[in-house]
Structures are given as C-alpha cells and as structure tokens.
Amino acid sequence: MSDRQPAHAAAQIVAFPESAVSLTDAFIRGLPSSATRTAYRRAIQSFAEFLGRDLLTGTRRDIEAHRANLEAAGRAPATIAKVLSALSGFYDFAIDEGAVDRNPVASARRPKVADTSPRRALSPADVRAILAVPDVTKLVGLRDRALLVTLVVQGWRVSEALGLRVEDLAEEGGHKVATICGKGGKVARVPLAAATWQSVMAWTAAAGITTGPVFVAVTKGGVIVAGEAVSQQAAWKRLQSIAEKAGVARHVHAHLFRHGAVTTALASGVPLHQVQDFARHADPRTTRRYDSHRASLANPAPHVLAAALVE
C-alpha cells in the first residue's frame, strides 16, 4: 500500500482565529445586506474618528455631541437618525458580548424625522423624456433602456435591478416573474409588466446573455463584459448623464425613479395597500411618505377657502 496521501488530504482545515476579529467587524458581519454593512461601518468609523478614543468609552454626552456636529455640518435628520441607529446596534451588540454594560445611544435625543419626503418625484413627462434618450439600435442603448424601464415600471431599488440574473426570470401561472433580493436581504417573487419583460428580453437576446447578471457593462467598442454586473456607481453616473441629455433640469438620483413609480401609481388610482405591496414597504406610512409632496401641493383646502372667504 502506498504511503502517499491524496492531494486534498494534505490540506488542513484551520479554524479562523475569532479572537482576532474586532468587535466592530463581528457586529458588521451579522448585518443582513452589503449595503447595510457598508453604511453601518461608515457610521461607526465616523463616530470613532469624532470620539478620538476607544468606542467602548463612549457616553450619551459623546453621542449627542456627535449628533450636534452632524447637524452643524448640514446632515439631514433622516441621515443622522440612521447614524444613531447604527451606533445603537453596535452598542447593543457590545452589551451582548459583555464589553459594556449600557448603550449610550438608548437615552440620547434623536432628531425628529419629518413624515413628509423632501424629494420631488420625477414626473411622467420627465420619465418619458428620459426613456426616449437611449439609442436602441446600439447594444448600450438597449441595456440602458431595459434598466430604465425596470426602474420606472417595477419601482425597484437600483441594487435590486443590478442584482438581477437571467436565472431569476421565469414564467409562472401565465405571469412573467422575477426573484429579487430586496432591502435587508429579503427575497421576493414579483410580477413583471409586459414592457419590462420585453425590454429585458430584447437586451439579453441582442447581447447573447443566457446566464448570470442581466445588466452587464458594454465597452466603448460595443463589447459585452459578460458575467460582471454594472456597479451602482457606474449606473448612477449613467442615469444622470441620460437625464441631462433628456433636458431634466435637476439632479436625478437613481432612487427618484422608485419614488416616481410610487407617486404615479397612487396618482393613477392604485389603492394604497396595493402600492405598498408593490413597493414592498413594511409600513403603509412609508408609502404615503413617498407621495407626500404631490399630495400636499394638490390639497384643495386653500383654494376652497379663498373662494368662500375672499371677494
């Protein structure tokens, strides 16, 4: 019998030294999505830099000083609230690990987040102008239009659209459907409008994409970079460039397409509970918040009062 062992037998399984993992890293790795992990890490690092000493020595006074500093820097209340939520999560984790005995964020004053959204959604006219820009005689135009239709019709977050794979597309009970990974890592099975399906199919057929990410890069020479999804940063820049060409006189952030989808659906008479399901919002108040700007401007009360009281 040979004394030689198979090559795989020589490989040793070594337990990762958990003692080498920092408390922050241990907390971050347990979060549900890459976007949340990135945002929470940034928030914790920002506070650590502000504090200038061990995070575990942070006090309520330090937390409130950090909040005041962010307010002075012009950060929006919603942004500051998210930062404090990240810090609170970290300190709760530290309590569970026995590293601290209290959460300094628990009693800290939090900024009041408005019930209305400061953003004005893209109007149907803006969307139509933007959709008219991509040149669908070219591969990159087919891709851009398919991505735009997915955002404006499906109301997906840009991360959800860019995460779409060919394997996620299917037909079920006579419906075109897609399986997407939403916020917090929640997987959802959603119906696709005919326009979305047709745009995506036209793009993937022309590009010869039969597996892997749907929305991939296209080089200036028109070559498909198969197997690698477009980055969010590249998508944001591309969408902004298209909006500028469409003559939309404002900064167009990718999330405005989702905002516009919710607003337009509500304005078109789709019931609130159905729009909530469409947007996959856990709370109907979130859905209403998206529509708040349009609703506030359309409020007839001042016009009725003027007619009744002013001669």
Protein backbone atom coordinates (compact mmCIF):
# COMPACT_ATOMS: atom_id res chain seq x y z
CA MET A 1 0.00 0.00 0.00
CA SER A 2 1.35 3.40 -0.92
CA ASP A 3 2.24 5.83 1.84
CA ARG A 4 1.22 8.73 -0.41
CA GLN A 5 -1.98 10.51 0.54
CA PRO A 6 -4.38 12.20 -1.89
CA ALA A 7 -3.52 15.82 -2.59
CA HIS A 8 -6.68 17.03 -0.84
CA ALA A 9 -5.70 15.20 2.33
CA ALA A 10 -2.70 17.46 2.73
CA ALA A 11 -4.92 20.50 3.07
CA GLN A 12 -5.66 21.23 6.69
CA ILE A 13 -8.81 22.90 7.90
CA VAL A 14 -7.78 25.72 10.21
CA ALA A 15 -10.36 27.40 12.40
CA PHE A 16 -10.46 31.15 11.87
CA PRO A 17 -9.00 32.84 14.97
CA GLU A 18 -12.13 34.52 16.28
CA SER A 19 -10.06 36.35 18.88
CA ALA A 20 -8.50 38.29 16.01
CA VAL A 21 -11.88 39.66 14.89
CA SER A 22 -12.63 43.12 16.26
CA LEU A 23 -15.92 43.84 17.98
CA THR A 24 -16.89 46.16 15.14
CA ASP A 25 -16.14 43.54 12.47
CA ALA A 26 -18.06 40.89 14.39
CA PHE A 27 -21.08 43.21 14.59
CA ILE A 28 -20.87 44.24 10.92
CA ARG A 29 -20.67 40.70 9.54
CA GLY A 30 -24.01 39.80 11.14
CA LEU A 31 -25.92 42.51 9.27
CA PRO A 32 -28.32 41.37 6.54
CA SER A 33 -27.03 43.09 3.40
CA SER A 34 -23.87 44.54 1.89
CA ALA A 35 -25.46 47.99 1.65
CA THR A 36 -26.34 47.94 5.35
CA ARG A 37 -22.88 46.67 6.27
CA THR A 38 -21.25 49.48 4.29
CA ALA A 39 -23.49 52.18 5.78
CA TYR A 40 -23.11 50.93 9.37
CA ARG A 41 -19.33 50.60 9.08
CA ARG A 42 -19.12 54.16 7.77
CA ALA A 43 -21.28 55.44 10.63
CA ILE A 44 -19.21 53.66 13.28
CA GLN A 45 -15.91 54.80 11.79
CA SER A 46 -17.17 58.39 11.63
CA PHE A 47 -18.10 58.33 15.31
CA ALA A 48 -14.78 56.69 16.23
CA GLU A 49 -12.91 59.49 14.47
CA PHE A 50 -15.06 62.11 16.20
CA LEU A 51 -14.60 60.45 19.59
CA GLY A 52 -10.84 60.08 19.28
CA ARG A 53 -10.66 57.24 21.78
CA ASP A 54 -11.94 53.71 22.37
CA LEU A 55 -15.54 53.34 21.16
CA LEU A 56 -16.41 51.39 24.29
CA THR A 57 -15.84 54.50 26.40
CA GLY A 58 -18.48 56.49 24.51
CA THR A 59 -21.16 58.20 26.62
CA ARG A 60 -24.57 59.72 25.95
CA ARG A 61 -22.92 63.11 26.02
CA ASP A 62 -20.50 61.98 23.30
CA ILE A 63 -23.38 60.66 21.18
CA GLU A 64 -25.32 63.92 21.45
CA ALA A 65 -22.19 65.94 20.69
CA HIS A 66 -21.72 63.84 17.54
CA ARG A 67 -25.34 64.41 16.58
CA ALA A 68 -24.91 68.18 17.05
CA ASN A 69 -21.75 68.06 14.94
CA LEU A 70 -23.60 66.30 12.12
CA GLU A 71 -26.42 68.84 12.33
CA ALA A 72 -23.92 71.69 12.11
CA ALA A 73 -22.44 70.02 9.02
CA GLY A 74 -25.87 70.18 7.38
CA ARG A 75 -26.72 66.47 7.51
CA ALA A 76 -30.42 65.71 7.08
CA PRO A 77 -32.37 64.49 10.14
CA ALA A 78 -33.07 61.15 8.40
CA THR A 79 -29.35 60.66 7.77
CA ILE A 80 -28.47 61.45 11.40
CA ALA A 81 -31.20 59.08 12.60
CA LYS A 82 -29.64 56.28 10.54
CA VAL A 83 -26.20 57.03 12.01
CA LEU A 84 -27.59 56.82 15.56
CA SER A 85 -29.40 53.58 14.71
CA ALA A 86 -26.11 52.09 13.52
CA LEU A 87 -24.34 53.16 16.71
CA SER A 88 -27.18 51.87 18.87
CA GLY A 89 -26.98 48.50 17.14
CA PHE A 90 -23.24 48.35 17.75
CA TYR A 91 -23.58 49.14 21.46
CA ASP A 92 -26.40 46.60 21.88
CA PHE A 93 -24.06 44.02 20.36
CA ALA A 94 -21.29 45.13 22.72
CA ILE A 95 -23.65 44.60 25.68
CA ASP A 96 -24.42 41.07 24.47
CA GLU A 97 -20.68 40.42 24.26
CA GLY A 98 -20.10 41.72 27.78
CA ALA A 99 -17.87 44.54 26.53
CA VAL A 100 -20.02 47.33 28.02
CA ASP A 101 -22.88 47.40 30.48
CA ARG A 102 -25.05 50.08 28.84
CA ASN A 103 -25.96 51.56 25.49
CA PRO A 104 -25.11 55.30 25.42
CA VAL A 105 -27.43 55.84 22.45
CA ALA A 106 -30.50 54.46 24.24
CA SER A 107 -31.34 57.70 26.07
CA ALA A 108 -29.75 60.13 23.63
CA ARG A 109 -32.06 62.62 21.95
CA ARG A 110 -32.75 61.66 18.36
CA PRO A 111 -33.56 64.04 15.51
CA LYS A 112 -37.20 64.29 14.53
CA VAL A 113 -37.65 62.86 11.05
CA ALA A 114 -40.40 64.53 9.05
CA ASP A 115 -43.42 62.49 7.99
CA THR A 116 -43.14 64.03 4.53
CA SER A 117 -40.45 63.46 1.94
CA PRO A 118 -38.37 66.48 0.85
CA ARG A 119 -37.79 64.88 -2.55
CA ARG A 120 -39.97 65.71 -5.52
CA ALA A 121 -40.52 62.64 -7.64
CA LEU A 122 -39.83 62.55 -11.35
CA SER A 123 -42.95 63.50 -13.29
CA PRO A 124 -44.37 61.25 -16.02
CA ALA A 125 -43.16 63.84 -18.54
CA ASP A 126 -39.61 63.63 -17.09
CA VAL A 127 -39.70 59.83 -17.30
CA ARG A 128 -40.94 59.79 -20.88
CA ALA A 129 -38.21 62.23 -21.90
CA ILE A 130 -35.55 60.10 -20.20
CA LEU A 131 -36.83 56.88 -21.80
CA ALA A 132 -36.59 58.49 -25.23
CA VAL A 133 -32.83 59.10 -24.92
CA PRO A 134 -31.25 55.59 -25.26
CA ASP A 135 -30.46 54.62 -28.86
CA VAL A 136 -31.93 51.10 -29.05
CA THR A 137 -30.11 50.43 -32.33
CA LYS A 138 -26.99 50.03 -30.21
CA LEU A 139 -26.28 47.46 -27.51
CA VAL A 140 -25.59 50.03 -24.83
CA GLY A 141 -28.86 51.77 -25.67
CA LEU A 142 -30.80 48.51 -25.37
CA ARG A 143 -29.24 47.90 -21.98
CA ASP A 144 -29.87 51.43 -20.74
CA ARG A 145 -33.50 51.35 -21.81
CA ALA A 146 -34.05 47.94 -20.22
CA LEU A 147 -32.55 49.20 -16.95
CA LEU A 148 -34.62 52.40 -17.07
CA VAL A 149 -37.86 50.54 -17.77
CA THR A 150 -37.10 48.18 -14.90
CA LEU A 151 -36.59 51.10 -12.52
CA VAL A 152 -39.56 53.24 -13.59
CA VAL A 153 -42.12 50.48 -14.14
CA GLN A 154 -41.13 47.98 -11.44
CA GLY A 155 -40.13 50.59 -8.88
CA TRP A 156 -37.08 48.57 -7.86
CA ARG A 157 -34.11 49.91 -5.99
CA VAL A 158 -31.09 50.19 -8.28
CA SER A 159 -29.30 47.49 -6.25
CA GLU A 160 -32.21 45.13 -6.89
CA ALA A 161 -32.13 45.77 -10.63
CA LEU A 162 -28.36 45.36 -10.89
CA GLY A 163 -28.55 42.17 -8.85
CA LEU A 164 -30.99 40.59 -11.32
CA ARG A 165 -29.74 37.42 -13.01
CA VAL A 166 -31.09 35.56 -16.02
CA GLU A 167 -31.82 32.60 -13.74
CA ASP A 168 -34.15 34.85 -11.70
CA LEU A 169 -36.53 35.35 -14.64
CA ALA A 170 -39.39 32.91 -15.18
CA GLU A 171 -42.98 32.40 -16.26
CA GLU A 172 -45.43 31.28 -13.61
CA GLY A 173 -49.18 30.79 -13.96
CA GLY A 174 -49.25 32.86 -17.12
CA HIS A 175 -47.28 35.68 -15.49
CA LYS A 176 -43.75 36.89 -16.15
CA VAL A 177 -41.97 36.99 -12.80
CA ALA A 178 -38.61 37.74 -11.26
CA THR A 179 -36.99 36.73 -7.99
CA ILE A 180 -35.11 39.64 -6.46
CA CYS A 181 -33.11 40.24 -3.30
CA GLY A 182 -34.52 43.32 -1.63
CA LYS A 183 -33.61 45.53 1.28
CA GLY A 184 -32.34 43.64 4.29
CA GLY A 185 -31.65 40.57 2.17
CA LYS A 186 -35.37 39.80 1.81
CA VAL A 187 -36.08 37.64 -1.23
CA ALA A 188 -39.26 38.46 -3.14
CA ARG A 189 -41.07 36.96 -6.11
CA VAL A 190 -42.58 39.83 -8.10
CA PRO A 191 -44.63 40.12 -11.30
CA LEU A 192 -43.13 41.87 -14.31
CA ALA A 193 -45.04 44.19 -16.62
CA ALA A 194 -45.02 43.21 -20.29
CA ALA A 195 -42.94 46.31 -21.09
CA THR A 196 -40.30 45.26 -18.56
CA TRP A 197 -40.13 41.69 -19.82
CA GLN A 198 -39.93 42.78 -23.46
CA SER A 199 -37.16 45.33 -22.77
CA VAL A 200 -35.09 42.86 -20.77
CA MET A 201 -35.59 40.09 -23.34
CA ALA A 202 -34.63 42.40 -26.22
CA TRP A 203 -31.42 43.36 -24.41
CA THR A 204 -30.37 39.88 -23.31
CA ALA A 205 -31.12 38.39 -26.75
CA ALA A 206 -29.11 41.05 -28.57
CA ALA A 207 -26.24 40.76 -26.08
CA GLY A 208 -26.28 36.95 -26.11
CA ILE A 209 -26.67 36.81 -22.33
CA THR A 210 -28.06 33.43 -21.31
CA THR A 211 -26.82 33.17 -17.74
CA GLY A 212 -25.52 35.37 -14.93
CA PRO A 213 -26.14 39.09 -14.37
CA VAL A 214 -28.62 40.73 -16.72
CA PHE A 215 -27.23 44.27 -16.61
CA VAL A 216 -23.57 44.00 -17.55
CA ALA A 217 -21.05 46.53 -18.83
CA VAL A 218 -20.64 47.36 -22.51
CA THR A 219 -17.29 48.75 -23.64
CA LYS A 220 -17.00 51.81 -25.87
CA GLY A 221 -16.30 49.40 -28.71
CA GLY A 222 -19.63 47.68 -28.10
CA VAL A 223 -18.17 44.56 -26.47
CA ILE A 224 -20.23 42.84 -23.77
CA VAL A 225 -18.45 42.25 -20.45
CA ALA A 226 -20.38 39.10 -19.60
CA GLY A 227 -20.65 37.77 -16.06
CA GLU A 228 -19.99 41.06 -14.28
CA ALA A 229 -22.87 43.32 -13.27
CA VAL A 230 -22.63 47.08 -13.72
CA SER A 231 -21.59 48.75 -10.45
CA GLN A 232 -24.01 51.03 -8.65
CA GLN A 233 -21.66 53.97 -9.04
CA ALA A 234 -21.41 53.43 -12.81
CA ALA A 235 -25.19 53.04 -13.06
CA TRP A 236 -25.80 56.27 -11.13
CA LYS A 237 -23.46 58.21 -13.40
CA ARG A 238 -25.06 56.70 -16.50
CA LEU A 239 -28.58 57.53 -15.35
CA GLN A 240 -27.59 61.11 -14.51
CA SER A 241 -25.99 61.53 -17.94
CA ILE A 242 -29.14 60.25 -19.66
CA ALA A 243 -31.32 62.60 -17.60
CA GLU A 244 -29.13 65.56 -18.58
CA LYS A 245 -29.47 64.63 -22.26
CA ALA A 246 -33.23 64.45 -21.75
CA GLY A 247 -33.21 68.04 -20.52
CA VAL A 248 -34.37 67.22 -16.99
CA ALA A 249 -33.21 70.31 -15.12
CA ARG A 250 -32.39 68.73 -11.77
CA HIS A 251 -30.03 66.22 -10.22
CA VAL A 252 -31.51 62.80 -10.92
CA HIS A 253 -30.64 60.24 -8.27
CA ALA A 254 -31.46 56.63 -9.08
CA HIS A 255 -33.93 56.42 -6.17
CA LEU A 256 -36.09 59.11 -7.78
CA PHE A 257 -37.28 56.50 -10.29
CA ARG A 258 -38.64 54.38 -7.44
CA HIS A 259 -40.10 57.50 -5.84
CA GLY A 260 -41.77 58.39 -9.11
CA ALA A 261 -43.17 54.88 -9.55
CA VAL A 262 -44.90 55.01 -6.16
CA THR A 263 -46.19 58.55 -6.71
CA THR A 264 -47.52 57.82 -10.20
CA ALA A 265 -49.21 54.59 -9.08
CA LEU A 266 -51.02 56.42 -6.27
CA ALA A 267 -51.93 59.34 -8.54
CA SER A 268 -53.33 56.87 -11.08
CA GLY A 269 -55.73 55.46 -8.51
CA VAL A 270 -53.95 52.28 -7.44
CA PRO A 271 -55.08 51.60 -3.82
CA LEU A 272 -52.57 52.37 -1.10
CA HIS A 273 -52.33 48.76 0.11
CA GLN A 274 -51.53 47.53 -3.40
CA VAL A 275 -48.86 50.20 -3.89
CA GLN A 276 -47.42 49.24 -0.51
CA ASP A 277 -47.17 45.63 -1.66
CA PHE A 278 -45.73 46.74 -5.00
CA ALA A 279 -43.01 48.77 -3.25
CA ARG A 280 -42.52 46.06 -0.60
CA HIS A 281 -42.86 48.57 2.22
CA ALA A 282 -43.41 47.06 5.67
CA ASP A 283 -45.37 50.12 6.82
CA PRO A 284 -48.00 52.00 4.76
CA ARG A 285 -46.72 55.25 6.25
CA THR A 286 -43.54 54.78 4.25
CA THR A 287 -45.59 54.53 1.07
CA ARG A 288 -47.56 57.65 1.99
CA ARG A 289 -44.35 59.50 2.74
CA TYR A 290 -43.23 58.95 -0.86
CA ASP A 291 -46.45 60.60 -2.02
CA SER A 292 -46.48 63.43 0.50
CA HIS A 293 -45.04 66.15 -1.75
CA ARG A 294 -47.60 65.62 -4.51
CA ALA A 295 -50.47 65.31 -2.04
CA SER A 296 -49.52 68.49 -0.18
CA LEU A 297 -49.37 70.54 -3.38
CA ALA A 298 -52.67 69.11 -4.61
CA ASN A 299 -54.52 69.89 -1.36
CA PRO A 300 -57.65 71.88 -2.39
CA ALA A 301 -58.25 73.47 1.04
CA PRO A 302 -56.65 76.90 0.37
CA HIS A 303 -58.48 77.22 -2.97
CA VAL A 304 -61.83 76.35 -1.36
CA LEU A 305 -61.23 78.85 1.46
CA ALA A 306 -60.22 81.56 -0.99
CA ALA A 307 -63.42 81.07 -2.98
CA ALA A 308 -65.53 81.12 0.19
CA LEU A 309 -63.88 83.99 2.03
CA VAL A 310 -62.12 86.34 -0.37
CA GLU A 311 -64.20 88.61 -2.54
